[in-house]
Amino acid sequence: MIKIIDSKIKLSELEKMASSRFGNLVKAVVDIEKEIMAIDGELHADEEALLLEDGSLQENLWGINIYPGLGPDERVEFDSVINLRPVDGNSTRGIENEIIRKKILLIINNMIIE
C-alpha cells in the first residue's frame, strides 16, 4: 500500500517494506517542493499519481529507489521512468540536475531515522 510520508520514517520500516516487495529496495517519488515522498508502490507511476492527486505539481516529482541496507551516502538511486522528461531538460531515467539530486538526498536523509 502506497504511503505519503511527510515527516520521519524509521529505517527498520523501510527494511520491512523492501523485504516484502522487492527484496532490497523501496521505490519512492519525492516532491522536492513540499519535501514529502510517496513510498512502497509497485511502480513509481502509481506513487506519482497519488502525489498528483494530493496536490503536488509534476515538475516537482522525481522517482528514486531507496536501498535501506546501504549507508546514507549510498542508499538512494536516481533511476525511474518518470524522470524521463526531455521537455524539462531531463533526457534520461536518472536525474541530471545536481541541485535536484542534492535536494532529494537532503530530504531523504532528514526523513529517515536510523
PDB file of N, CA and C in Angstrom:
ATOM      1  N   MET A   1       0.836  -1.187   0.000  1.00  0.00           N
ATOM      2  CA  MET A   1       0.000   0.000   0.000  1.00  0.00           C
ATOM      3  C   MET A   1       0.881   1.252   0.000  1.00  0.00           C
ATOM      4  N   ILE A   2       0.616   2.142  -0.902  1.00  0.00           N
ATOM      5  CA  ILE A   2       1.422   3.357  -1.026  1.00  0.00           C
ATOM      6  C   ILE A   2       1.104   4.302   0.127  1.00  0.00           C
ATOM      7  N   LYS A   3       2.161   4.881   0.687  1.00  0.00           N
ATOM      8  CA  LYS A   3       2.020   5.831   1.784  1.00  0.00           C
ATOM      9  C   LYS A   3       2.679   7.151   1.404  1.00  0.00           C
ATOM     10  N   ILE A   4       2.070   8.237   1.841  1.00  0.00           N
ATOM     11  CA  ILE A   4       2.718   9.538   1.722  1.00  0.00           C
ATOM     12  C   ILE A   4       3.395   9.826   3.052  1.00  0.00           C
ATOM     13  N   ILE A   5       4.681  10.087   2.985  1.00  0.00           N
ATOM     14  CA  ILE A   5       5.468  10.382   4.180  1.00  0.00           C
ATOM     15  C   ILE A   5       5.777  11.874   4.183  1.00  0.00           C
ATOM     16  N   ASP A   6       5.359  12.550   5.251  1.00  0.00           N
ATOM     17  CA  ASP A   6       5.601  13.989   5.345  1.00  0.00           C
ATOM     18  C   ASP A   6       6.400  14.365   6.587  1.00  0.00           C
ATOM     19  N   SER A   7       6.889  13.347   7.285  1.00  0.00           N
ATOM     20  CA  SER A   7       7.730  13.622   8.447  1.00  0.00           C
ATOM     21  C   SER A   7       8.847  12.580   8.488  1.00  0.00           C
ATOM     22  N   LYS A   8       8.949  11.827   9.538  1.00  0.00           N
ATOM     23  CA  LYS A   8      10.041  10.860   9.699  1.00  0.00           C
ATOM     24  C   LYS A   8       9.536   9.438   9.450  1.00  0.00           C
ATOM     25  N   ILE A   9      10.459   8.575   9.050  1.00  0.00           N
ATOM     26  CA  ILE A   9      10.187   7.151   8.903  1.00  0.00           C
ATOM     27  C   ILE A   9      11.406   6.391   9.397  1.00  0.00           C
ATOM     28  N   LYS A  10      11.162   5.312  10.114  1.00  0.00           N
ATOM     29  CA  LYS A  10      12.259   4.511  10.646  1.00  0.00           C
ATOM     30  C   LYS A  10      12.883   3.670   9.535  1.00  0.00           C
ATOM     31  N   LEU A  11      14.187   3.559   9.599  1.00  0.00           N
ATOM     32  CA  LEU A  11      14.919   2.725   8.650  1.00  0.00           C
ATOM     33  C   LEU A  11      14.401   1.291   8.714  1.00  0.00           C
ATOM     34  N   SER A  12      14.068   0.821   9.900  1.00  0.00           N
ATOM     35  CA  SER A  12      13.558  -0.547  10.052  1.00  0.00           C
ATOM     36  C   SER A  12      12.237  -0.738   9.303  1.00  0.00           C
ATOM     37  N   GLU A  13      11.411   0.294   9.232  1.00  0.00           N
ATOM     38  CA  GLU A  13      10.160   0.211   8.478  1.00  0.00           C
ATOM     39  C   GLU A  13      10.443   0.106   6.979  1.00  0.00           C
ATOM     40  N   LEU A  14      11.422   0.863   6.504  1.00  0.00           N
ATOM     41  CA  LEU A  14      11.823   0.766   5.100  1.00  0.00           C
ATOM     42  C   LEU A  14      12.379  -0.620   4.786  1.00  0.00           C
ATOM     43  N   GLU A  15      13.137  -1.188   5.718  1.00  0.00           N
ATOM     44  CA  GLU A  15      13.684  -2.534   5.523  1.00  0.00           C
ATOM     45  C   GLU A  15      12.556  -3.561   5.395  1.00  0.00           C
ATOM     46  N   LYS A  16      11.516  -3.440   6.200  1.00  0.00           N
ATOM     47  CA  LYS A  16      10.364  -4.353   6.116  1.00  0.00           C
ATOM     48  C   LYS A  16       9.651  -4.201   4.774  1.00  0.00           C
ATOM     49  N   MET A  17       9.466  -2.957   4.331  1.00  0.00           N
ATOM     50  CA  MET A  17       8.829  -2.716   3.037  1.00  0.00           C
ATOM     51  C   MET A  17       9.633  -3.350   1.915  1.00  0.00           C
ATOM     52  N   ALA A  18      10.944  -3.150   1.968  1.00  0.00           N
ATOM     53  CA  ALA A  18      11.820  -3.693   0.926  1.00  0.00           C
ATOM     54  C   ALA A  18      11.727  -5.209   0.877  1.00  0.00           C
ATOM     55  N   SER A  19      11.811  -5.854   2.034  1.00  0.00           N
ATOM     56  CA  SER A  19      11.814  -7.321   2.052  1.00  0.00           C
ATOM     57  C   SER A  19      10.475  -7.909   1.619  1.00  0.00           C
ATOM     58  N   SER A  20       9.393  -7.173   1.824  1.00  0.00           N
ATOM     59  CA  SER A  20       8.078  -7.707   1.454  1.00  0.00           C
ATOM     60  C   SER A  20       7.741  -7.507  -0.021  1.00  0.00           C
ATOM     61  N   ARG A  21       8.446  -6.632  -0.725  1.00  0.00           N
ATOM     62  CA  ARG A  21       8.084  -6.374  -2.125  1.00  0.00           C
ATOM     63  C   ARG A  21       9.224  -6.692  -3.096  1.00  0.00           C
ATOM     64  N   PHE A  22      10.346  -6.008  -2.997  1.00  0.00           N
ATOM     65  CA  PHE A  22      11.425  -6.153  -3.976  1.00  0.00           C
ATOM     66  C   PHE A  22      12.683  -6.806  -3.416  1.00  0.00           C
ATOM     67  N   GLY A  23      12.726  -7.047  -2.133  1.00  0.00           N
ATOM     68  CA  GLY A  23      13.887  -7.685  -1.524  1.00  0.00           C
ATOM     69  C   GLY A  23      14.851  -6.724  -0.883  1.00  0.00           C
ATOM     70  N   ASN A  24      15.380  -5.772  -1.672  1.00  0.00           N
ATOM     71  CA  ASN A  24      16.401  -4.890  -1.107  1.00  0.00           C
ATOM     72  C   ASN A  24      16.162  -3.406  -1.386  1.00  0.00           C
ATOM     73  N   LEU A  25      15.018  -3.076  -2.004  1.00  0.00           N
ATOM     74  CA  LEU A  25      14.776  -1.666  -2.302  1.00  0.00           C
ATOM     75  C   LEU A  25      13.319  -1.298  -2.107  1.00  0.00           C
ATOM     76  N   VAL A  26      13.111  -0.004  -1.927  1.00  0.00           N
ATOM     77  CA  VAL A  26      11.772   0.585  -1.849  1.00  0.00           C
ATOM     78  C   VAL A  26      11.716   1.677  -2.900  1.00  0.00           C
ATOM     79  N   LYS A  27      10.692   1.633  -3.740  1.00  0.00           N
ATOM     80  CA  LYS A  27      10.512   2.701  -4.721  1.00  0.00           C
ATOM     81  C   LYS A  27       9.888   3.896  -4.025  1.00  0.00           C
ATOM     82  N   ALA A  28      10.283   5.085  -4.460  1.00  0.00           N
ATOM     83  CA  ALA A  28       9.744   6.308  -3.870  1.00  0.00           C
ATOM     84  C   ALA A  28       9.688   7.403  -4.931  1.00  0.00           C
ATOM     85  N   VAL A  29       8.735   8.319  -4.734  1.00  0.00           N
ATOM     86  CA  VAL A  29       8.674   9.533  -5.538  1.00  0.00           C
ATOM     87  C   VAL A  29       8.714  10.695  -4.565  1.00  0.00           C
ATOM     88  N   VAL A  30       9.649  11.597  -4.792  1.00  0.00           N
ATOM     89  CA  VAL A  30       9.876  12.726  -3.899  1.00  0.00           C
ATOM     90  C   VAL A  30       9.327  14.003  -4.530  1.00  0.00           C
ATOM     91  N   ASP A  31       8.568  14.764  -3.734  1.00  0.00           N
ATOM     92  CA  ASP A  31       8.142  16.101  -4.127  1.00  0.00           C
ATOM     93  C   ASP A  31       9.156  17.057  -3.515  1.00  0.00           C
ATOM     94  N   ILE A  32      10.013  17.635  -4.351  1.00  0.00           N
ATOM     95  CA  ILE A  32      11.107  18.465  -3.836  1.00  0.00           C
ATOM     96  C   ILE A  32      10.635  19.823  -3.342  1.00  0.00           C
ATOM     97  N   GLU A  33       9.427  20.223  -3.682  1.00  0.00           N
ATOM     98  CA  GLU A  33       8.879  21.499  -3.198  1.00  0.00           C
ATOM     99  C   GLU A  33       8.227  21.319  -1.827  1.00  0.00           C
ATOM    100  N   LYS A  34       7.370  20.315  -1.702  1.00  0.00           N
ATOM    101  CA  LYS A  34       6.670  20.058  -0.436  1.00  0.00           C
ATOM    102  C   LYS A  34       7.522  19.287   0.567  1.00  0.00           C
ATOM    103  N   GLU A  35       8.637  18.715   0.076  1.00  0.00           N
ATOM    104  CA  GLU A  35       9.535  17.897   0.895  1.00  0.00           C
ATOM    105  C   GLU A  35       8.794  16.726   1.525  1.00  0.00           C
ATOM    106  N   ILE A  36       8.055  16.010   0.675  1.00  0.00           N
ATOM    107  CA  ILE A  36       7.352  14.794   1.069  1.00  0.00           C
ATOM    108  C   ILE A  36       7.703  13.715   0.051  1.00  0.00           C
ATOM    109  N   MET A  37       7.303  12.469   0.361  1.00  0.00           N
ATOM    110  CA  MET A  37       7.506  11.405  -0.606  1.00  0.00           C
ATOM    111  C   MET A  37       6.407  10.373  -0.490  1.00  0.00           C
ATOM    112  N   ALA A  38       6.135   9.715  -1.601  1.00  0.00           N
ATOM    113  CA  ALA A  38       5.245   8.560  -1.629  1.00  0.00           C
ATOM    114  C   ALA A  38       6.144   7.336  -1.745  1.00  0.00           C
ATOM    115  N   ILE A  39       5.851   6.313  -0.940  1.00  0.00           N
ATOM    116  CA  ILE A  39       6.697   5.121  -0.925  1.00  0.00           C
ATOM    117  C   ILE A  39       5.867   3.850  -0.964  1.00  0.00           C
ATOM    118  N   ASP A  40       6.549   2.767  -1.289  1.00  0.00           N
ATOM    119  CA  ASP A  40       6.043   1.397  -1.216  1.00  0.00           C
ATOM    120  C   ASP A  40       5.048   1.050  -2.314  1.00  0.00           C
ATOM    121  N   GLY A  41       5.164   1.691  -3.451  1.00  0.00           N
ATOM    122  CA  GLY A  41       4.347   1.308  -4.597  1.00  0.00           C
ATOM    123  C   GLY A  41       5.082   0.295  -5.455  1.00  0.00           C
ATOM    124  N   GLU A  42       4.322  -0.413  -6.276  1.00  0.00           N
ATOM    125  CA  GLU A  42       4.947  -1.342  -7.213  1.00  0.00           C
ATOM    126  C   GLU A  42       5.617  -0.585  -8.352  1.00  0.00           C
ATOM    127  N   LEU A  43       5.011   0.545  -8.729  1.00  0.00           N
ATOM    128  CA  LEU A  43       5.548   1.384  -9.797  1.00  0.00           C
ATOM    129  C   LEU A  43       5.710   2.819  -9.313  1.00  0.00           C
ATOM    130  N   HIS A  44       6.751   3.489  -9.779  1.00  0.00           N
ATOM    131  CA  HIS A  44       6.911   4.910  -9.475  1.00  0.00           C
ATOM    132  C   HIS A  44       5.697   5.693  -9.979  1.00  0.00           C
ATOM    133  N   ALA A  45       5.133   5.270 -11.106  1.00  0.00           N
ATOM    134  CA  ALA A  45       3.987   5.976 -11.685  1.00  0.00           C
ATOM    135  C   ALA A  45       2.776   5.961 -10.745  1.00  0.00           C
ATOM    136  N   ASP A  46       2.597   4.889  -9.991  1.00  0.00           N
ATOM    137  CA  ASP A  46       1.491   4.827  -9.024  1.00  0.00           C
ATOM    138  C   ASP A  46       1.706   5.817  -7.886  1.00  0.00           C
ATOM    139  N   GLU A  47       2.935   5.913  -7.422  1.00  0.00           N
ATOM    140  CA  GLU A  47       3.267   6.869  -6.360  1.00  0.00           C
ATOM    141  C   GLU A  47       3.122   8.298  -6.863  1.00  0.00           C
ATOM    142  N   GLU A  48       3.570   8.516  -8.089  1.00  0.00           N
ATOM    143  CA  GLU A  48       3.449   9.828  -8.722  1.00  0.00           C
ATOM    144  C   GLU A  48       1.981  10.240  -8.819  1.00  0.00           C
ATOM    145  N   ALA A  49       1.126   9.311  -9.236  1.00  0.00           N
ATOM    146  CA  ALA A  49      -0.308   9.593  -9.372  1.00  0.00           C
ATOM    147  C   ALA A  49      -0.923   9.981  -8.032  1.00  0.00           C
ATOM    148  N   LEU A  50      -0.535   9.297  -6.963  1.00  0.00           N
ATOM    149  CA  LEU A  50      -1.060   9.621  -5.632  1.00  0.00           C
ATOM    150  C   LEU A  50      -0.652  11.034  -5.216  1.00  0.00           C
ATOM    151  N   LEU A  51       0.602  11.393  -5.445  1.00  0.00           N
ATOM    152  CA  LEU A  51       1.066  12.734  -5.087  1.00  0.00           C
ATOM    153  C   LEU A  51       0.379  13.809  -5.928  1.00  0.00           C
ATOM    154  N   LEU A  52       0.147  13.527  -7.205  1.00  0.00           N
ATOM    155  CA  LEU A  52      -0.573  14.481  -8.054  1.00  0.00           C
ATOM    156  C   LEU A  52      -1.997  14.679  -7.548  1.00  0.00           C
ATOM    157  N   GLU A  53      -2.646  13.592  -7.158  1.00  0.00           N
ATOM    158  CA  GLU A  53      -3.996  13.680  -6.581  1.00  0.00           C
ATOM    159  C   GLU A  53      -3.987  14.492  -5.287  1.00  0.00           C
ATOM    160  N   ASP A  54      -2.865  14.433  -4.573  1.00  0.00           N
ATOM    161  CA  ASP A  54      -2.722  15.129  -3.294  1.00  0.00           C
ATOM    162  C   ASP A  54      -2.317  16.594  -3.468  1.00  0.00           C
ATOM    163  N   GLY A  55      -2.168  17.048  -4.719  1.00  0.00           N
ATOM    164  CA  GLY A  55      -1.874  18.455  -4.962  1.00  0.00           C
ATOM    165  C   GLY A  55      -0.450  18.790  -5.380  1.00  0.00           C
ATOM    166  N   SER A  56       0.395  17.780  -5.511  1.00  0.00           N
ATOM    167  CA  SER A  56       1.767  18.042  -5.967  1.00  0.00           C
ATOM    168  C   SER A  56       1.764  18.437  -7.438  1.00  0.00           C
ATOM    169  N   LEU A  57       2.787  19.161  -7.848  1.00  0.00           N
ATOM    170  CA  LEU A  57       2.959  19.559  -9.238  1.00  0.00           C
ATOM    171  C   LEU A  57       3.963  18.629  -9.912  1.00  0.00           C
ATOM    172  N   GLN A  58       3.674  18.262 -11.144  1.00  0.00           N
ATOM    173  CA  GLN A  58       4.510  17.316 -11.890  1.00  0.00           C
ATOM    174  C   GLN A  58       5.987  17.706 -11.901  1.00  0.00           C
ATOM    175  N   GLU A  59       6.272  18.973 -12.102  1.00  0.00           N
ATOM    176  CA  GLU A  59       7.673  19.377 -12.225  1.00  0.00           C
ATOM    177  C   GLU A  59       8.475  19.207 -10.934  1.00  0.00           C
ATOM    178  N   ASN A  60       7.791  18.976  -9.823  1.00  0.00           N
ATOM    179  CA  ASN A  60       8.468  18.791  -8.544  1.00  0.00           C
ATOM    180  C   ASN A  60       8.652  17.328  -8.157  1.00  0.00           C
ATOM    181  N   LEU A  61       8.185  16.405  -8.988  1.00  0.00           N
ATOM    182  CA  LEU A  61       8.194  14.985  -8.638  1.00  0.00           C
ATOM    183  C   LEU A  61       9.314  14.237  -9.338  1.00  0.00           C
ATOM    184  N   TRP A  62      10.066  13.478  -8.548  1.00  0.00           N
ATOM    185  CA  TRP A  62      11.212  12.729  -9.069  1.00  0.00           C
ATOM    186  C   TRP A  62      11.226  11.336  -8.464  1.00  0.00           C
ATOM    187  N   GLY A  63      11.433  10.320  -9.322  1.00  0.00           N
ATOM    188  CA  GLY A  63      11.450   8.936  -8.878  1.00  0.00           C
ATOM    189  C   GLY A  63      12.836   8.475  -8.475  1.00  0.00           C
ATOM    190  N   ILE A  64      12.878   7.737  -7.366  1.00  0.00           N
ATOM    191  CA  ILE A  64      14.133   7.191  -6.843  1.00  0.00           C
ATOM    192  C   ILE A  64      13.881   5.784  -6.307  1.00  0.00           C
ATOM    193  N   ASN A  65      14.958   5.109  -6.004  1.00  0.00           N
ATOM    194  CA  ASN A  65      14.913   3.847  -5.269  1.00  0.00           C
ATOM    195  C   ASN A  65      15.743   4.029  -4.011  1.00  0.00           C
ATOM    196  N   ILE A  66      15.211   3.505  -2.905  1.00  0.00           N
ATOM    197  CA  ILE A  66      15.923   3.574  -1.632  1.00  0.00           C
ATOM    198  C   ILE A  66      16.338   2.158  -1.247  1.00  0.00           C
ATOM    199  N   TYR A  67      17.630   1.991  -0.969  1.00  0.00           N
ATOM    200  CA  TYR A  67      18.176   0.714  -0.526  1.00  0.00           C
ATOM    201  C   TYR A  67      18.472   0.829   0.971  1.00  0.00           C
ATOM    202  N   PRO A  68      17.535   0.417   1.830  1.00  0.00           N
ATOM    203  CA  PRO A  68      17.715   0.624   3.270  1.00  0.00           C
ATOM    204  C   PRO A  68      18.898  -0.125   3.867  1.00  0.00           C
ATOM    205  N   GLY A  69      19.390  -1.160   3.200  1.00  0.00           N
ATOM    206  CA  GLY A  69      20.528  -1.921   3.711  1.00  0.00           C
ATOM    207  C   GLY A  69      21.865  -1.243   3.503  1.00  0.00           C
ATOM    208  N   LEU A  70      21.869  -0.141   2.755  1.00  0.00           N
ATOM    209  CA  LEU A  70      23.114   0.589   2.490  1.00  0.00           C
ATOM    210  C   LEU A  70      23.214   1.810   3.395  1.00  0.00           C
ATOM    211  N   GLY A  71      24.392   2.380   3.475  1.00  0.00           N
ATOM    212  CA  GLY A  71      24.613   3.570   4.287  1.00  0.00           C
ATOM    213  C   GLY A  71      23.972   4.804   3.677  1.00  0.00           C
ATOM    214  N   PRO A  72      23.859   5.884   4.446  1.00  0.00           N
ATOM    215  CA  PRO A  72      23.194   7.101   3.987  1.00  0.00           C
ATOM    216  C   PRO A  72      23.749   7.682   2.692  1.00  0.00           C
ATOM    217  N   ASP A  73      25.030   7.503   2.439  1.00  0.00           N
ATOM    218  CA  ASP A  73      25.641   8.067   1.233  1.00  0.00           C
ATOM    219  C   ASP A  73      25.427   7.209  -0.008  1.00  0.00           C
ATOM    220  N   GLU A  74      24.954   5.976   0.178  1.00  0.00           N
ATOM    221  CA  GLU A  74      24.790   5.064  -0.951  1.00  0.00           C
ATOM    222  C   GLU A  74      23.375   4.575  -1.155  1.00  0.00           C
ATOM    223  N   ARG A  75      22.445   4.889  -0.272  1.00  0.00           N
ATOM    224  CA  ARG A  75      21.143   4.228  -0.300  1.00  0.00           C
ATOM    225  C   ARG A  75      20.171   4.766  -1.344  1.00  0.00           C
ATOM    226  N   VAL A  76      20.430   5.906  -1.945  1.00  0.00           N
ATOM    227  CA  VAL A  76      19.497   6.476  -2.919  1.00  0.00           C
ATOM    228  C   VAL A  76      20.024   6.272  -4.339  1.00  0.00           C
ATOM    229  N   GLU A  77      19.160   5.706  -5.180  1.00  0.00           N
ATOM    230  CA  GLU A  77      19.461   5.521  -6.601  1.00  0.00           C
ATOM    231  C   GLU A  77      18.493   6.392  -7.394  1.00  0.00           C
ATOM    232  N   PHE A  78      19.024   7.237  -8.245  1.00  0.00           N
ATOM    233  CA  PHE A  78      18.218   8.153  -9.058  1.00  0.00           C
ATOM    234  C   PHE A  78      17.878   7.480 -10.381  1.00  0.00           C
ATOM    235  N   ASP A  79      16.857   6.631 -10.386  1.00  0.00           N
ATOM    236  CA  ASP A  79      16.517   5.877 -11.587  1.00  0.00           C
ATOM    237  C   ASP A  79      15.024   5.594 -11.621  1.00  0.00           C
ATOM    238  N   SER A  80      14.343   6.192 -12.591  1.00  0.00           N
ATOM    239  CA  SER A  80      12.918   5.948 -12.766  1.00  0.00           C
ATOM    240  C   SER A  80      12.472   6.428 -14.136  1.00  0.00           C
ATOM    241  N   VAL A  81      11.530   5.712 -14.703  1.00  0.00           N
ATOM    242  CA  VAL A  81      10.965   6.111 -15.990  1.00  0.00           C
ATOM    243  C   VAL A  81      10.282   7.473 -15.874  1.00  0.00           C
ATOM    244  N   ILE A  82       9.719   7.793 -14.717  1.00  0.00           N
ATOM    245  CA  ILE A  82       9.023   9.088 -14.591  1.00  0.00           C
ATOM    246  C   ILE A  82       9.976  10.269 -14.691  1.00  0.00           C
ATOM    247  N   ASN A  83      11.274  10.007 -14.562  1.00  0.00           N
ATOM    248  CA  ASN A  83      12.266  11.082 -14.671  1.00  0.00           C
ATOM    249  C   ASN A  83      12.573  11.461 -16.121  1.00  0.00           C
ATOM    250  N   LEU A  84      12.147  10.646 -17.056  1.00  0.00           N
ATOM    251  CA  LEU A  84      12.355  10.937 -18.478  1.00  0.00           C
ATOM    252  C   LEU A  84      11.464  12.097 -18.887  1.00  0.00           C
ATOM    253  N   ARG A  85      12.038  13.291 -18.911  1.00  0.00           N
ATOM    254  CA  ARG A  85      11.274  14.495 -19.240  1.00  0.00           C
ATOM    255  C   ARG A  85      12.146  15.433 -20.060  1.00  0.00           C
ATOM    256  N   PRO A  86      12.373  15.107 -21.322  1.00  0.00           N
ATOM    257  CA  PRO A  86      13.224  15.952 -22.166  1.00  0.00           C
ATOM    258  C   PRO A  86      12.748  17.404 -22.237  1.00  0.00           C
ATOM    259  N   VAL A  87      11.443  17.621 -22.195  1.00  0.00           N
ATOM    260  CA  VAL A  87      10.899  18.984 -22.240  1.00  0.00           C
ATOM    261  C   VAL A  87      11.378  19.801 -21.041  1.00  0.00           C
ATOM    262  N   ASP A  88      11.572  19.112 -19.902  1.00  0.00           N
ATOM    263  CA  ASP A  88      12.043  19.777 -18.688  1.00  0.00           C
ATOM    264  C   ASP A  88      13.558  19.709 -18.528  1.00  0.00           C
ATOM    265  N   GLY A  89      14.251  19.264 -19.584  1.00  0.00           N
ATOM    266  CA  GLY A  89      15.707  19.229 -19.538  1.00  0.00           C
ATOM    267  C   GLY A  89      16.290  17.965 -18.937  1.00  0.00           C
ATOM    268  N   ASN A  90      15.488  16.929 -18.753  1.00  0.00           N
ATOM    269  CA  ASN A  90      15.989  15.666 -18.205  1.00  0.00           C
ATOM    270  C   ASN A  90      15.720  14.558 -19.219  1.00  0.00           C
ATOM    271  N   SER A  91      16.748  14.149 -19.924  1.00  0.00           N
ATOM    272  CA  SER A  91      16.570  13.214 -21.035  1.00  0.00           C
ATOM    273  C   SER A  91      16.922  11.770 -20.704  1.00  0.00           C
ATOM    274  N   THR A  92      17.109  11.460 -19.423  1.00  0.00           N
ATOM    275  CA  THR A  92      17.420  10.092 -19.009  1.00  0.00           C
ATOM    276  C   THR A  92      16.512   9.678 -17.857  1.00  0.00           C
ATOM    277  N   ARG A  93      16.616   8.395 -17.482  1.00  0.00           N
ATOM    278  CA  ARG A  93      15.877   7.886 -16.318  1.00  0.00           C
ATOM    279  C   ARG A  93      16.504   8.390 -15.016  1.00  0.00           C
ATOM    280  N   GLY A  94      17.726   8.854 -15.098  1.00  0.00           N
ATOM    281  CA  GLY A  94      18.395   9.421 -13.933  1.00  0.00           C
ATOM    282  C   GLY A  94      17.935  10.855 -13.720  1.00  0.00           C
ATOM    283  N   ILE A  95      18.554  11.521 -12.772  1.00  0.00           N
ATOM    284  CA  ILE A  95      18.257  12.932 -12.531  1.00  0.00           C
ATOM    285  C   ILE A  95      19.538  13.691 -12.835  1.00  0.00           C
ATOM    286  N   GLU A  96      19.513  14.435 -13.926  1.00  0.00           N
ATOM    287  CA  GLU A  96      20.718  15.070 -14.436  1.00  0.00           C
ATOM    288  C   GLU A  96      21.109  16.336 -13.674  1.00  0.00           C
ATOM    289  N   ASN A  97      20.163  16.988 -13.049  1.00  0.00           N
ATOM    290  CA  ASN A  97      20.412  18.246 -12.353  1.00  0.00           C
ATOM    291  C   ASN A  97      20.988  17.976 -10.961  1.00  0.00           C
ATOM    292  N   GLU A  98      22.224  18.398 -10.755  1.00  0.00           N
ATOM    293  CA  GLU A  98      22.917  18.177  -9.478  1.00  0.00           C
ATOM    294  C   GLU A  98      22.188  18.831  -8.304  1.00  0.00           C
ATOM    295  N   ILE A  99      21.620  19.992  -8.508  1.00  0.00           N
ATOM    296  CA  ILE A  99      20.898  20.692  -7.433  1.00  0.00           C
ATOM    297  C   ILE A  99      19.688  19.871  -6.987  1.00  0.00           C
ATOM    298  N   ILE A 100      18.959  19.306  -7.938  1.00  0.00           N
ATOM    299  CA  ILE A 100      17.795  18.472  -7.600  1.00  0.00           C
ATOM    300  C   ILE A 100      18.242  17.210  -6.877  1.00  0.00           C
ATOM    301  N   ARG A 101      19.310  16.564  -7.340  1.00  0.00           N
ATOM    302  CA  ARG A 101      19.811  15.362  -6.652  1.00  0.00           C
ATOM    303  C   ARG A 101      20.190  15.675  -5.208  1.00  0.00           C
ATOM    304  N   LYS A 102      20.891  16.793  -5.000  1.00  0.00           N
ATOM    305  CA  LYS A 102      21.283  17.165  -3.636  1.00  0.00           C
ATOM    306  C   LYS A 102      20.070  17.443  -2.760  1.00  0.00           C
ATOM    307  N   LYS A 103      19.057  18.099  -3.319  1.00  0.00           N
ATOM    308  CA  LYS A 103      17.844  18.388  -2.548  1.00  0.00           C
ATOM    309  C   LYS A 103      17.139  17.094  -2.159  1.00  0.00           C
ATOM    310  N   ILE A 104      17.066  16.155  -3.076  1.00  0.00           N
ATOM    311  CA  ILE A 104      16.441  14.861  -2.774  1.00  0.00           C
ATOM    312  C   ILE A 104      17.206  14.153  -1.665  1.00  0.00           C
ATOM    313  N   LEU A 105      18.523  14.125  -1.748  1.00  0.00           N
ATOM    314  CA  LEU A 105      19.318  13.487  -0.697  1.00  0.00           C
ATOM    315  C   LEU A 105      19.091  14.139   0.652  1.00  0.00           C
ATOM    316  N   LEU A 106      19.017  15.447   0.682  1.00  0.00           N
ATOM    317  CA  LEU A 106      18.763  16.160   1.929  1.00  0.00           C
ATOM    318  C   LEU A 106      17.394  15.781   2.503  1.00  0.00           C
ATOM    319  N   ILE A 107      16.373  15.758   1.644  1.00  0.00           N
ATOM    320  CA  ILE A 107      15.029  15.384   2.093  1.00  0.00           C
ATOM    321  C   ILE A 107      15.019  13.964   2.648  1.00  0.00           C
ATOM    322  N   ILE A 108      15.583  13.033   1.889  1.00  0.00           N
ATOM    323  CA  ILE A 108      15.579  11.625   2.301  1.00  0.00           C
ATOM    324  C   ILE A 108      16.356  11.445   3.596  1.00  0.00           C
ATOM    325  N   ASN A 109      17.539  12.016   3.672  1.00  0.00           N
ATOM    326  CA  ASN A 109      18.346  11.851   4.881  1.00  0.00           C
ATOM    327  C   ASN A 109      17.721  12.499   6.106  1.00  0.00           C
ATOM    328  N   ASN A 110      16.945  13.556   5.917  1.00  0.00           N
ATOM    329  CA  ASN A 110      16.230  14.171   7.038  1.00  0.00           C
ATOM    330  C   ASN A 110      15.016  13.357   7.472  1.00  0.00           C
ATOM    331  N   MET A 111      14.450  12.585   6.558  1.00  0.00           N
ATOM    332  CA  MET A 111      13.242  11.810   6.874  1.00  0.00           C
ATOM    333  C   MET A 111      13.545  10.462   7.529  1.00  0.00           C
ATOM    334  N   ILE A 112      14.677   9.849   7.173  1.00  0.00           N
ATOM    335  CA  ILE A 112      14.968   8.502   7.654  1.00  0.00           C
ATOM    336  C   ILE A 112      15.640   8.554   9.020  1.00  0.00           C
ATOM    337  N   ILE A 113      15.015   7.861   9.959  1.00  0.00           N
ATOM    338  CA  ILE A 113      15.570   7.736  11.317  1.00  0.00           C
ATOM    339  C   ILE A 113      16.299   6.407  11.386  1.00  0.00           C
ATOM    340  N   GLU A 114      17.586   6.462  11.682  1.00  0.00           N
ATOM    341  CA  GLU A 114      18.401   5.237  11.740  1.00  0.00           C
ATOM    342  C   GLU A 114      17.990   4.365  12.905  1.00  0.00           C
TER     343      GLU A 114
END
